[in-house]
């Protein structure tokens, strides 16, 4: 599949058009105890479809946290550089048991044994602790089967100083970049393009706005117009876009029973999120941006 630059509000038809991918994403999320954002199945499906085969490719997950796509890509054989400004040094053990995980720097990931010892600290008898630790280490060796790996890098996306220019095959960002200010987002895009190889692809999902950029306070993210996305991602005026169908796409999203009936439980616990207090009432829709680094662009 030849990838072309585009701006695309994510249609709910993605769920049926790529049903095997949706099923696989749901399965992995259940196994890893990851609750998905209300529109993340659309984001993840759109990104993975445009990535194509990922085996042996070096891919950055920008603004990764402990989110699903890095683990999904590692299972498919990719080396994922997982970047987030928040520390994941004490990454939960269930991720380490299943995936090959390391830190880009020593400070990026606390050694497995140390985390295990901290978890075993308590009133249990020394013999019980030793037995539990031996079991955990044996389980780690047995279950670490993912062909790819995840490399944690705790860093702001505006300054990826430990990643060389022209070194990555692709960069993905799942509903993460909109948490930067518009000026900050432009700086992030420049840095993400620097680390891409010529011909490499940036695939980012953000939030769409129809007439003017606006800040969605509950989710603490910006919603962008077509014109702003072209400017911030430095895309030509003739880049294909489906913003002309904004209203029809939004109506279909609001009427999507599959997304409505599968809201994560965490939405019901707070009003500070993309679906306050778990009431199905989308206030924005996800949009994908595909940008390709030209052969003449320098990192």
Protein backbone atom coordinates (compact mmCIF):
# COMPACT_ATOMS: atom_id res chain seq x y z
CA UNK A 1 0.00 0.00 0.00
CA UNK A 2 1.41 3.37 -1.04
CA UNK A 3 0.81 5.96 1.67
CA UNK A 4 -0.09 9.51 0.72
CA UNK A 5 -0.27 12.62 2.83
CA UNK A 6 -3.77 13.39 4.02
CA UNK A 7 -6.00 14.87 6.69
CA UNK A 8 -8.88 12.56 7.52
CA UNK A 9 -11.64 12.84 10.09
CA UNK A 10 -11.93 9.23 11.23
CA UNK A 11 -15.17 7.66 10.01
CA UNK A 12 -16.93 5.07 12.14
CA UNK A 13 -16.91 2.79 9.07
CA UNK A 14 -13.31 1.97 10.03
CA UNK A 15 -14.70 -0.42 12.65
CA UNK A 16 -16.42 -2.61 10.05
CA UNK A 17 -13.89 -2.11 7.27
CA UNK A 18 -11.07 -3.43 9.50
CA UNK A 19 -12.93 -5.75 11.85
CA UNK A 20 -10.05 -8.26 12.35
CA UNK A 21 -7.82 -5.40 13.54
CA UNK A 22 -10.53 -4.13 15.88
CA UNK A 23 -10.96 -7.63 17.35
CA UNK A 24 -7.19 -7.99 17.84
CA UNK A 25 -6.93 -4.58 19.51
CA UNK A 26 -9.79 -5.37 21.89
CA UNK A 27 -8.24 -8.73 22.76
CA UNK A 28 -4.84 -7.27 23.60
CA UNK A 29 -6.39 -4.43 25.61
CA UNK A 30 -8.30 -7.00 27.73
CA UNK A 31 -5.20 -9.11 28.27
CA UNK A 32 -3.15 -6.09 29.36
CA UNK A 33 -5.95 -4.54 31.45
CA UNK A 34 -5.91 -1.36 29.37
CA UNK A 35 -9.11 0.68 29.16
CA UNK A 36 -9.40 2.48 25.85
CA UNK A 37 -10.43 6.08 25.31
CA UNK A 38 -13.88 6.48 23.81
CA UNK A 39 -12.65 6.98 20.23
CA UNK A 40 -9.33 5.08 20.49
CA UNK A 41 -10.50 2.09 18.45
CA UNK A 42 -10.90 4.48 15.52
CA UNK A 43 -7.49 6.07 16.14
CA UNK A 44 -5.65 2.78 16.57
CA UNK A 45 -7.31 1.15 13.56
CA UNK A 46 -6.58 4.12 11.31
CA UNK A 47 -2.93 4.26 12.36
CA UNK A 48 -2.25 0.52 12.10
CA UNK A 49 -3.95 0.36 8.68
CA UNK A 50 -1.74 3.13 7.31
CA UNK A 51 1.42 1.70 8.87
CA UNK A 52 1.08 -1.62 7.09
CA UNK A 53 3.58 -4.40 7.99
CA UNK A 54 5.82 -3.35 10.89
CA UNK A 55 8.12 -6.32 11.48
CA UNK A 56 11.72 -5.17 12.07
CA UNK A 57 10.80 -1.50 11.66
CA UNK A 58 11.81 1.19 14.19
CA UNK A 59 8.73 3.16 15.19
CA UNK A 60 8.26 5.88 17.78
CA UNK A 61 5.10 6.03 19.88
CA UNK A 62 4.96 9.74 20.74
CA UNK A 63 3.13 10.50 23.98
CA UNK A 64 2.89 6.78 24.65
CA UNK A 65 2.28 6.50 28.39
CA UNK A 66 1.46 2.83 28.88
CA UNK A 67 -1.02 2.92 26.00
CA UNK A 68 -1.94 0.04 23.74
CA UNK A 69 -0.32 0.75 20.39
CA UNK A 70 3.29 0.29 21.54
CA UNK A 71 2.49 -3.24 22.78
CA UNK A 72 0.45 -4.05 19.67
CA UNK A 73 3.35 -3.04 17.41
CA UNK A 74 5.89 -4.94 19.52
CA UNK A 75 3.78 -8.08 19.19
CA UNK A 76 3.94 -7.59 15.43
CA UNK A 77 7.75 -7.45 15.53
CA UNK A 78 8.52 -3.72 15.66
CA UNK A 79 11.12 -2.01 17.79
CA UNK A 80 9.08 0.73 19.46
CA UNK A 81 10.70 3.83 20.95
CA UNK A 82 8.11 4.74 23.58
CA UNK A 83 8.34 8.43 24.47
CA UNK A 84 6.42 10.26 27.18
CA UNK A 85 7.30 13.18 29.43
CA UNK A 86 5.95 11.22 32.43
CA UNK A 87 8.23 8.58 33.91
CA UNK A 88 7.47 4.89 33.31
CA UNK A 89 10.55 3.80 35.27
CA UNK A 90 8.41 1.60 37.53
CA UNK A 91 6.53 0.00 34.65
CA UNK A 92 4.07 -2.61 36.01
CA UNK A 93 5.32 -6.16 35.99
CA UNK A 94 2.59 -7.56 33.73
CA UNK A 95 4.00 -5.56 30.80
CA UNK A 96 7.54 -6.77 31.53
CA UNK A 97 6.48 -10.41 31.72
CA UNK A 98 5.02 -10.36 28.22
CA UNK A 99 7.24 -7.93 26.34
CA UNK A 100 10.92 -7.24 25.94
CA UNK A 101 11.20 -3.84 27.60
CA UNK A 102 14.28 -1.75 28.25
CA UNK A 103 15.13 1.88 29.01
CA UNK A 104 16.91 4.05 26.50
CA UNK A 105 18.89 5.38 29.49
CA UNK A 106 19.33 3.74 32.92
CA UNK A 107 16.94 6.26 34.47
CA UNK A 108 14.15 5.36 32.04
CA UNK A 109 13.41 1.92 33.51
CA UNK A 110 14.01 0.53 36.97
CA UNK A 111 15.47 -3.02 36.73
CA UNK A 112 12.89 -5.82 36.94
CA UNK A 113 14.53 -7.39 39.98
CA UNK A 114 14.39 -4.17 41.97
CA UNK A 115 10.70 -3.65 41.21
CA UNK A 116 10.04 -7.27 42.13
CA UNK A 117 11.88 -6.90 45.44
CA UNK A 118 9.91 -3.75 46.22
CA UNK A 119 6.64 -5.58 45.48
CA UNK A 120 7.67 -8.45 47.73
CA UNK A 121 8.62 -6.20 50.62
CA UNK A 122 6.20 -6.80 53.47
CA UNK A 123 5.29 -9.19 56.25
CA UNK A 124 5.62 -12.43 54.24
CA UNK A 125 8.16 -14.96 55.50
CA UNK A 126 11.59 -14.85 53.77
CA UNK A 127 11.08 -18.35 52.35
CA UNK A 128 7.75 -17.36 50.84
CA UNK A 129 9.32 -14.25 49.34
CA UNK A 130 12.18 -16.24 47.82
CA UNK A 131 9.76 -18.75 46.33
CA UNK A 132 7.59 -15.98 44.90
CA UNK A 133 10.62 -14.21 43.44
CA UNK A 134 11.89 -17.41 41.82
CA UNK A 135 8.44 -17.99 40.31
CA UNK A 136 8.28 -14.44 38.94
CA UNK A 137 11.70 -14.72 37.32
CA UNK A 138 10.81 -18.08 35.78
CA UNK A 139 7.54 -16.63 34.51
CA UNK A 140 9.42 -13.70 32.99
CA UNK A 141 11.68 -16.00 31.00
CA UNK A 142 8.76 -18.17 29.91
CA UNK A 143 6.29 -15.47 28.90
CA UNK A 144 8.55 -12.95 27.19
CA UNK A 145 7.65 -14.03 23.69
CA UNK A 146 6.89 -10.86 21.75
CA UNK A 147 9.17 -10.74 18.70
CA UNK A 148 9.61 -6.97 18.95
CA UNK A 149 10.62 -4.80 21.86
CA UNK A 150 9.71 -1.54 23.58
CA UNK A 151 12.37 1.00 24.53
CA UNK A 152 11.18 3.54 27.11
CA UNK A 153 12.39 7.13 26.83
CA UNK A 154 11.02 9.59 29.39
CA UNK A 155 11.38 12.90 27.59
CA UNK A 156 9.47 15.92 26.30
CA UNK A 157 8.61 15.56 22.62
CA UNK A 158 10.03 19.00 21.83
CA UNK A 159 13.57 17.82 22.58
CA UNK A 160 14.35 14.21 21.65
CA UNK A 161 18.05 14.72 22.23
CA UNK A 162 18.89 11.02 22.59
CA UNK A 163 17.37 10.05 19.22
CA UNK A 164 19.52 10.72 16.15
CA UNK A 165 18.15 12.49 13.10
CA UNK A 166 16.93 10.34 10.18
CA UNK A 167 16.80 7.19 12.33
CA UNK A 168 13.15 6.06 12.54
CA UNK A 169 10.90 4.42 9.96
CA UNK A 170 7.68 5.89 11.37
CA UNK A 171 6.25 7.95 14.21
CA UNK A 172 2.76 7.39 15.60
CA UNK A 173 0.85 9.50 18.12
CA UNK A 174 -2.53 8.40 19.47
CA UNK A 175 -4.58 11.38 20.66
CA UNK A 176 -1.53 12.85 22.41
CA UNK A 177 -0.28 15.84 20.43
CA UNK A 178 -3.41 17.95 21.02
CA UNK A 179 -2.36 18.38 24.66
CA UNK A 180 0.32 20.81 23.47
CA UNK A 181 -0.50 24.44 22.78
CA UNK A 182 -0.70 25.29 19.05
CA UNK A 183 2.76 26.87 19.25
CA UNK A 184 4.07 23.87 21.17
CA UNK A 185 2.53 21.45 18.68
CA UNK A 186 4.42 23.09 15.83
CA UNK A 187 7.69 22.61 17.73
CA UNK A 188 6.81 18.96 18.40
CA UNK A 189 6.06 18.28 14.74
CA UNK A 190 9.42 19.76 13.70
CA UNK A 191 11.23 17.49 16.18
CA UNK A 192 9.28 14.40 15.13
CA UNK A 193 10.10 15.04 11.49
CA UNK A 194 13.79 15.45 12.40
CA UNK A 195 14.08 11.90 13.74
CA UNK A 196 12.26 10.34 10.78
CA UNK A 197 14.19 8.82 7.91
CA UNK A 198 13.53 10.35 4.47
CA UNK A 199 10.36 8.66 3.24
CA UNK A 200 9.32 7.94 6.84
CA UNK A 201 5.74 8.54 7.94
CA UNK A 202 4.22 10.54 10.79
CA UNK A 203 0.74 9.29 11.67
CA UNK A 204 -0.98 11.33 14.36
CA UNK A 205 -4.55 11.47 15.59
CA UNK A 206 -5.87 14.63 17.17
CA UNK A 207 -9.23 16.35 17.69
CA UNK A 208 -11.14 18.13 14.91
CA UNK A 209 -12.94 21.49 15.01
CA UNK A 210 -15.12 22.75 12.19
CA UNK A 211 -14.85 26.55 12.07
CA UNK A 212 -12.21 27.70 14.55
CA UNK A 213 -9.65 26.14 16.86
CA UNK A 214 -10.95 25.62 20.38
CA UNK A 215 -9.76 24.19 23.65
CA UNK A 216 -11.83 21.35 25.12
CA UNK A 217 -11.44 21.89 28.82
CA UNK A 218 -12.60 18.50 30.18
CA UNK A 219 -10.06 16.57 28.09
CA UNK A 220 -7.43 19.34 28.25
CA UNK A 221 -6.83 19.23 24.53
CA UNK A 222 -7.06 21.44 21.46
CA UNK A 223 -9.49 20.82 18.60
CA UNK A 224 -8.15 21.97 15.23
CA UNK A 225 -9.57 23.13 11.94
CA UNK A 226 -8.39 21.81 8.60
CA UNK A 227 -6.47 25.05 7.94
CA UNK A 228 -4.66 24.88 11.28
CA UNK A 229 -3.61 21.26 10.78
CA UNK A 230 -2.16 22.14 7.37
CA UNK A 231 -0.19 24.97 8.93
CA UNK A 232 1.00 23.12 12.02
CA UNK A 233 2.04 20.00 10.07
CA UNK A 234 3.38 22.01 7.11
CA UNK A 235 1.12 20.31 4.59
CA UNK A 236 0.43 21.72 1.10
CA UNK A 237 -2.91 23.38 0.35
CA UNK A 238 -3.85 20.54 -2.00
CA UNK A 239 -3.41 17.81 0.64
CA UNK A 240 -6.58 15.64 0.53
CA UNK A 241 -9.03 16.21 3.36
CA UNK A 242 -12.59 15.15 4.20
CA UNK A 243 -13.40 18.18 6.40
CA UNK A 244 -16.11 19.10 3.86
CA UNK A 245 -18.06 16.14 5.32
CA UNK A 246 -17.54 17.29 8.91
CA UNK A 247 -21.22 17.45 9.89
CA UNK A 248 -22.19 14.11 8.32
CA UNK A 249 -19.20 12.35 9.88
CA UNK A 250 -19.99 13.88 13.28
CA UNK A 251 -23.62 12.74 13.08
CA UNK A 252 -22.51 9.17 12.31
CA UNK A 253 -20.06 9.27 15.23
CA UNK A 254 -22.74 10.40 17.66
CA UNK A 255 -24.98 7.58 16.44
CA UNK A 256 -22.31 4.86 16.73
CA UNK A 257 -23.70 2.24 19.11
CA UNK A 258 -20.45 0.24 19.21
CA UNK A 259 -18.51 3.14 20.70
CA UNK A 260 -21.39 4.31 22.90
CA UNK A 261 -21.97 0.90 24.47
CA UNK A 262 -18.28 0.25 25.23
CA UNK A 263 -17.29 3.33 27.21
CA UNK A 264 -14.43 2.65 29.61
CA UNK A 265 -15.35 2.67 33.28
CA UNK A 266 -12.98 5.49 34.13
CA UNK A 267 -15.22 8.00 32.33
CA UNK A 268 -17.91 7.56 34.97
CA UNK A 269 -15.57 8.57 37.78
CA UNK A 270 -14.80 12.13 36.68
CA UNK A 271 -15.90 15.15 34.68
CA UNK A 272 -12.33 15.92 33.63
CA UNK A 273 -12.11 13.72 30.55
CA UNK A 274 -13.30 13.42 26.97
CA UNK A 275 -16.67 11.99 27.98
CA UNK A 276 -17.50 13.68 31.31
CA UNK A 277 -19.19 11.42 33.89
CA UNK A 278 -19.64 8.66 31.32
CA UNK A 279 -22.50 10.34 29.45
CA UNK A 280 -22.32 9.63 25.72
CA UNK A 281 -22.18 13.10 24.23
CA UNK A 282 -19.20 13.56 21.86
CA UNK A 283 -18.04 17.17 21.78
CA UNK A 284 -15.39 16.62 19.11
CA UNK A 285 -14.35 13.95 16.65
CA UNK A 286 -10.95 12.37 16.03
CA UNK A 287 -8.92 13.33 12.98
CA UNK A 288 -5.86 11.66 11.51
CA UNK A 289 -2.89 13.43 9.93
CA UNK A 290 -0.47 11.60 7.66
CA UNK A 291 2.76 13.42 6.80
CA UNK A 292 5.71 11.97 4.90
CA UNK A 293 9.28 13.20 5.19
CA UNK A 294 10.54 14.19 1.77
CA UNK A 295 13.78 12.86 0.38
CA UNK A 296 15.25 16.37 0.39
CA UNK A 297 14.29 17.22 3.95
CA UNK A 298 17.15 17.26 6.43
CA UNK A 299 16.84 16.02 10.01
